[in-house]
């Protein structure tokens, strides 16, 4: 199987590159092939001729998207359409990473793949429009919606909490937003399995279980053996440029259909902490050489 991955240097892209142990995988950064440039994307797939194209590249700064609407749509919508058009032209299957932000967060039960999208943020709108464009261009594409992504090699919530907990005796974290933490390594494994199963349509792909950001932070601090006190706060007390969904738990029913089971989020967190320790040790060793 020949694979072309756009976004290979991102947090998820790095995980996919680590997990996908095939000789014929082309991992591309934005410097190698900018998905905003249609001609670059066409030239890339003309050269690589993949069986599967995996698109993890995105502008994921949710707050940044609010003030950079054009960039958000250039990368997340028009860039995705460019990749879909090229995949269609060169006969490649496509797997696209989307987000829980396509929903408005007003449900109180897990979101199913056929629930109506109603994004409240520019980021969510750009992803929802990308989904629409991809379905138009490649009806058999696989659209993977995920949420609360964390992992080594990039900025993420656990890393932020660990840094804050190392400096402060107490931290406050919002307790009125609920979702599904997702470890990049587990998502990468699921992406590989979905491609191998020739998955089509929309698939919700997260670690099992759900929690609030407060619950997540408490577990991070406890699992790391730290004594920092974590106190709950509300979204109203922690205002961000982009509103966060109060509830964005994704149902696993669509993933279950492919016989794929993700670990629970607490197990995923422990695996992340172990991996982070090794990652940090290797990084420090290389710096000190």
Protein backbone atom coordinates (compact mmCIF):
# COMPACT_ATOMS: atom_id res chain seq x y z
CA UNK A 1 0.00 0.00 0.00
CA UNK A 2 1.38 3.42 -1.03
CA UNK A 3 0.57 6.29 1.32
CA UNK A 4 0.88 10.05 0.98
CA UNK A 5 0.44 12.03 4.20
CA UNK A 6 -0.09 15.79 4.19
CA UNK A 7 0.77 17.29 7.58
CA UNK A 8 3.57 14.92 8.57
CA UNK A 9 5.20 17.36 10.99
CA UNK A 10 2.05 18.10 13.00
CA UNK A 11 1.23 16.37 16.27
CA UNK A 12 -1.02 13.77 14.61
CA UNK A 13 1.08 13.52 11.46
CA UNK A 14 4.16 12.62 13.51
CA UNK A 15 2.19 9.87 15.24
CA UNK A 16 0.98 8.47 11.92
CA UNK A 17 4.55 8.43 10.61
CA UNK A 18 5.70 6.55 13.73
CA UNK A 19 2.86 4.04 13.57
CA UNK A 20 2.64 3.33 9.84
CA UNK A 21 5.56 1.01 9.29
CA UNK A 22 5.42 0.70 5.53
CA UNK A 23 8.31 1.35 3.20
CA UNK A 24 6.28 3.37 0.72
CA UNK A 25 4.97 6.33 2.72
CA UNK A 26 5.57 9.92 1.70
CA UNK A 27 5.24 12.26 4.68
CA UNK A 28 4.95 15.89 3.63
CA UNK A 29 5.12 19.14 5.58
CA UNK A 30 3.70 22.45 4.35
CA UNK A 31 7.19 23.31 3.11
CA UNK A 32 7.19 20.17 0.96
CA UNK A 33 3.70 20.73 -0.43
CA UNK A 34 1.41 23.59 0.60
CA UNK A 35 -2.17 22.31 0.36
CA UNK A 36 -3.34 25.88 -0.39
CA UNK A 37 -1.51 25.63 -3.72
CA UNK A 38 -3.56 23.46 -6.08
CA UNK A 39 -0.69 22.98 -8.52
CA UNK A 40 1.69 21.86 -5.77
CA UNK A 41 -0.81 19.30 -4.53
CA UNK A 42 -1.45 17.96 -8.04
CA UNK A 43 2.30 17.68 -8.68
CA UNK A 44 2.77 15.85 -5.38
CA UNK A 45 0.16 13.18 -6.07
CA UNK A 46 1.24 12.88 -9.68
CA UNK A 47 4.69 11.98 -8.34
CA UNK A 48 3.69 9.76 -5.39
CA UNK A 49 0.61 8.02 -6.92
CA UNK A 50 -0.68 6.76 -3.55
CA UNK A 51 -3.35 4.18 -2.84
CA UNK A 52 -4.38 6.32 0.14
CA UNK A 53 -3.95 10.02 0.74
CA UNK A 54 -4.23 11.02 4.41
CA UNK A 55 -4.86 14.68 5.19
CA UNK A 56 -3.95 15.69 8.74
CA UNK A 57 -2.65 19.15 7.77
CA UNK A 58 -4.84 21.93 9.15
CA UNK A 59 -4.89 25.34 10.79
CA UNK A 60 -5.94 24.14 14.25
CA UNK A 61 -5.52 27.31 16.34
CA UNK A 62 -9.20 27.62 17.25
CA UNK A 63 -8.85 31.09 18.76
CA UNK A 64 -6.51 32.21 15.97
CA UNK A 65 -9.10 31.23 13.38
CA UNK A 66 -11.51 33.81 14.83
CA UNK A 67 -9.21 36.64 13.76
CA UNK A 68 -7.77 34.90 10.69
CA UNK A 69 -10.91 33.73 8.92
CA UNK A 70 -9.40 33.82 5.43
CA UNK A 71 -6.41 31.72 6.50
CA UNK A 72 -8.71 29.23 8.23
CA UNK A 73 -10.76 28.71 5.08
CA UNK A 74 -7.72 28.78 2.80
CA UNK A 75 -6.09 25.91 4.69
CA UNK A 76 -8.97 23.94 6.17
CA UNK A 77 -11.54 24.21 3.38
CA UNK A 78 -9.92 25.16 0.09
CA UNK A 79 -6.76 23.22 0.96
CA UNK A 80 -8.81 20.12 1.72
CA UNK A 81 -10.69 20.53 -1.58
CA UNK A 82 -7.38 20.77 -3.44
CA UNK A 83 -6.24 17.48 -1.92
CA UNK A 84 -9.58 15.82 -2.69
CA UNK A 85 -9.47 16.98 -6.33
CA UNK A 86 -5.92 15.67 -6.74
CA UNK A 87 -6.80 12.36 -5.08
CA UNK A 88 -9.72 11.98 -7.47
CA UNK A 89 -7.57 12.81 -10.50
CA UNK A 90 -4.91 10.24 -9.63
CA UNK A 91 -7.21 7.49 -8.34
CA UNK A 92 -6.31 7.68 -4.66
CA UNK A 93 -8.57 7.01 -1.70
CA UNK A 94 -8.78 9.87 0.83
CA UNK A 95 -8.94 10.00 4.61
CA UNK A 96 -9.57 13.46 6.05
CA UNK A 97 -9.33 14.55 9.68
CA UNK A 98 -12.25 16.64 10.89
CA UNK A 99 -13.38 17.81 14.32
CA UNK A 100 -16.03 17.81 17.03
CA UNK A 101 -16.21 21.58 16.46
CA UNK A 102 -18.59 20.98 13.54
CA UNK A 103 -21.27 20.52 16.24
CA UNK A 104 -22.80 23.26 18.40
CA UNK A 105 -22.40 21.40 21.71
CA UNK A 106 -26.05 21.62 22.74
CA UNK A 107 -26.76 17.89 22.93
CA UNK A 108 -26.62 15.93 26.17
CA UNK A 109 -26.04 12.52 24.55
CA UNK A 110 -23.11 11.50 22.30
CA UNK A 111 -23.12 12.94 18.79
CA UNK A 112 -23.77 10.45 15.99
CA UNK A 113 -22.28 10.86 12.54
CA UNK A 114 -25.62 11.86 11.01
CA UNK A 115 -26.45 14.54 13.58
CA UNK A 116 -26.79 17.96 11.94
CA UNK A 117 -23.68 20.12 11.97
CA UNK A 118 -23.99 23.64 13.38
CA UNK A 119 -20.53 25.04 14.07
CA UNK A 120 -20.25 28.08 16.33
CA UNK A 121 -16.64 28.96 15.50
CA UNK A 122 -14.69 29.91 12.37
CA UNK A 123 -12.57 26.80 12.86
CA UNK A 124 -15.66 24.60 13.05
CA UNK A 125 -17.19 26.30 10.02
CA UNK A 126 -14.03 25.77 7.97
CA UNK A 127 -14.02 22.07 8.87
CA UNK A 128 -17.74 21.64 8.18
CA UNK A 129 -17.34 23.27 4.76
CA UNK A 130 -14.35 21.03 4.09
CA UNK A 131 -16.46 17.97 4.84
CA UNK A 132 -19.12 19.20 2.41
CA UNK A 133 -16.57 19.82 -0.35
CA UNK A 134 -14.89 16.45 0.15
CA UNK A 135 -18.20 14.58 -0.01
CA UNK A 136 -19.01 16.43 -3.25
CA UNK A 137 -15.68 15.63 -4.86
CA UNK A 138 -15.07 12.15 -3.44
CA UNK A 139 -18.29 10.59 -2.10
CA UNK A 140 -16.38 7.50 -0.94
CA UNK A 141 -13.83 9.44 1.12
CA UNK A 142 -13.39 8.62 4.80
CA UNK A 143 -13.97 11.60 7.10
CA UNK A 144 -12.63 11.01 10.61
CA UNK A 145 -13.98 13.34 13.27
CA UNK A 146 -11.98 13.44 16.47
CA UNK A 147 -11.67 15.63 19.58
CA UNK A 148 -9.39 16.88 22.37
CA UNK A 149 -6.24 15.62 20.67
CA UNK A 150 -3.09 15.26 22.74
CA UNK A 151 0.34 13.71 22.24
CA UNK A 152 4.08 14.27 22.16
CA UNK A 153 5.79 16.54 19.66
CA UNK A 154 3.43 19.49 19.85
CA UNK A 155 1.28 21.74 22.03
CA UNK A 156 -1.53 19.94 23.85
CA UNK A 157 -3.65 20.16 27.01
CA UNK A 158 -1.74 17.65 29.18
CA UNK A 159 1.56 19.34 28.40
CA UNK A 160 0.09 22.73 29.35
CA UNK A 161 -1.34 21.36 32.61
CA UNK A 162 1.97 19.71 33.54
CA UNK A 163 3.85 22.96 32.98
CA UNK A 164 1.35 24.97 35.04
CA UNK A 165 1.30 22.38 37.82
CA UNK A 166 5.09 22.52 38.04
CA UNK A 167 4.93 26.28 38.73
CA UNK A 168 1.76 26.75 40.79
CA UNK A 169 0.33 25.21 43.98
CA UNK A 170 -3.20 25.55 42.57
CA UNK A 171 -4.72 25.77 39.08
CA UNK A 172 -8.29 26.35 37.89
CA UNK A 173 -9.79 24.42 34.97
CA UNK A 174 -13.26 24.65 33.43
CA UNK A 175 -15.66 21.93 34.55
CA UNK A 176 -18.66 22.72 32.33
CA UNK A 177 -17.25 21.50 29.00
CA UNK A 178 -17.36 17.78 28.30
CA UNK A 179 -15.70 15.74 25.56
CA UNK A 180 -13.47 12.80 24.65
CA UNK A 181 -9.69 13.11 25.07
CA UNK A 182 -7.87 11.42 22.19
CA UNK A 183 -4.25 10.29 22.20
CA UNK A 184 -2.55 10.94 18.85
CA UNK A 185 -0.90 7.50 18.93
CA UNK A 186 -4.27 5.73 19.30
CA UNK A 187 -5.85 7.90 16.62
CA UNK A 188 -2.94 7.12 14.29
CA UNK A 189 -3.45 3.40 14.85
CA UNK A 190 -7.16 3.76 14.10
CA UNK A 191 -6.42 5.75 10.92
CA UNK A 192 -4.18 2.94 9.68
CA UNK A 193 -6.85 0.34 10.45
CA UNK A 194 -9.54 2.38 8.70
CA UNK A 195 -7.42 2.63 5.57
CA UNK A 196 -6.70 -1.09 5.63
CA UNK A 197 -10.45 -1.74 5.92
CA UNK A 198 -11.18 0.62 3.00
CA UNK A 199 -13.43 2.72 5.23
CA UNK A 200 -15.87 5.19 3.70
CA UNK A 201 -18.18 7.83 5.09
CA UNK A 202 -17.91 9.63 8.42
CA UNK A 203 -16.33 7.88 11.40
CA UNK A 204 -16.15 9.30 14.93
CA UNK A 205 -12.78 8.29 16.34
CA UNK A 206 -11.78 9.08 19.93
CA UNK A 207 -10.53 7.27 22.99
CA UNK A 208 -13.31 5.59 24.97
CA UNK A 209 -15.04 7.43 27.78
CA UNK A 210 -15.62 11.12 28.34
CA UNK A 211 -14.84 13.76 30.94
CA UNK A 212 -14.69 17.48 31.61
CA UNK A 213 -11.50 19.49 31.19
CA UNK A 214 -11.43 19.67 35.01
CA UNK A 215 -11.62 15.87 35.27
CA UNK A 216 -8.92 15.55 32.64
CA UNK A 217 -6.62 17.99 34.46
CA UNK A 218 -7.12 16.25 37.81
CA UNK A 219 -6.21 12.91 36.24
CA UNK A 220 -3.12 14.39 34.55
CA UNK A 221 -1.82 15.82 37.82
CA UNK A 222 -2.56 12.62 39.75
CA UNK A 223 -1.06 10.32 37.11
CA UNK A 224 2.08 12.45 37.04
CA UNK A 225 2.42 12.14 40.83
CA UNK A 226 2.12 15.90 41.40
CA UNK A 227 0.57 17.62 44.43
CA UNK A 228 -0.92 20.64 42.70
CA UNK A 229 -4.54 21.29 43.66
CA UNK A 230 -6.92 21.44 40.69
CA UNK A 231 -10.05 23.50 41.27
CA UNK A 232 -13.12 23.70 39.01
CA UNK A 233 -14.20 26.91 37.30
CA UNK A 234 -16.73 27.83 34.61
CA UNK A 235 -16.50 28.86 30.98
CA UNK A 236 -17.92 32.26 31.96
CA UNK A 237 -14.88 32.78 34.17
CA UNK A 238 -12.46 31.71 31.45
CA UNK A 239 -13.60 33.51 28.31
CA UNK A 240 -11.83 32.65 25.05
CA UNK A 241 -12.10 34.33 21.60
CA UNK A 242 -13.77 31.20 20.19
CA UNK A 243 -16.63 29.65 22.17
CA UNK A 244 -16.02 26.05 23.18
CA UNK A 245 -18.76 23.41 22.84
CA UNK A 246 -20.25 22.65 26.26
CA UNK A 247 -20.76 19.04 25.15
CA UNK A 248 -18.93 17.41 22.25
CA UNK A 249 -18.82 13.72 23.16
CA UNK A 250 -18.68 11.65 19.97
CA UNK A 251 -20.44 8.30 19.73
CA UNK A 252 -18.23 5.32 18.92
CA UNK A 253 -20.94 3.49 16.94
CA UNK A 254 -19.44 4.35 13.54
CA UNK A 255 -15.99 3.11 14.64
CA UNK A 256 -17.45 -0.04 16.19
CA UNK A 257 -18.83 -1.00 12.76
CA UNK A 258 -15.25 -1.46 11.55
CA UNK A 259 -14.33 -3.64 14.53
CA UNK A 260 -11.94 -1.01 15.89
CA UNK A 261 -11.77 -0.35 19.63
CA UNK A 262 -9.85 2.56 21.10
CA UNK A 263 -8.36 2.37 24.63
CA UNK A 264 -10.11 4.38 27.36
CA UNK A 265 -8.82 7.91 27.85
CA UNK A 266 -7.24 7.24 31.26
CA UNK A 267 -5.15 4.41 29.80
CA UNK A 268 -4.28 6.66 26.86
CA UNK A 269 -3.15 9.38 29.28
CA UNK A 270 -0.83 7.00 31.14
CA UNK A 271 0.64 5.85 27.83
CA UNK A 272 1.17 9.48 26.85
CA UNK A 273 3.01 10.25 30.10
CA UNK A 274 5.29 7.26 29.59
CA UNK A 275 5.95 8.28 25.99
CA UNK A 276 6.51 11.92 27.00
CA UNK A 277 9.09 10.87 29.58
CA UNK A 278 11.03 8.93 26.94
CA UNK A 279 10.60 11.73 24.42
CA UNK A 280 11.86 14.38 26.86
CA UNK A 281 14.80 12.19 27.89
CA UNK A 282 15.83 11.66 24.26
CA UNK A 283 15.47 15.36 23.53
CA UNK A 284 17.57 16.37 26.54
CA UNK A 285 20.22 13.81 25.62
CA UNK A 286 20.51 15.19 22.09
CA UNK A 287 20.74 18.78 23.40
CA UNK A 288 23.49 17.87 25.89
CA UNK A 289 25.68 16.07 23.36
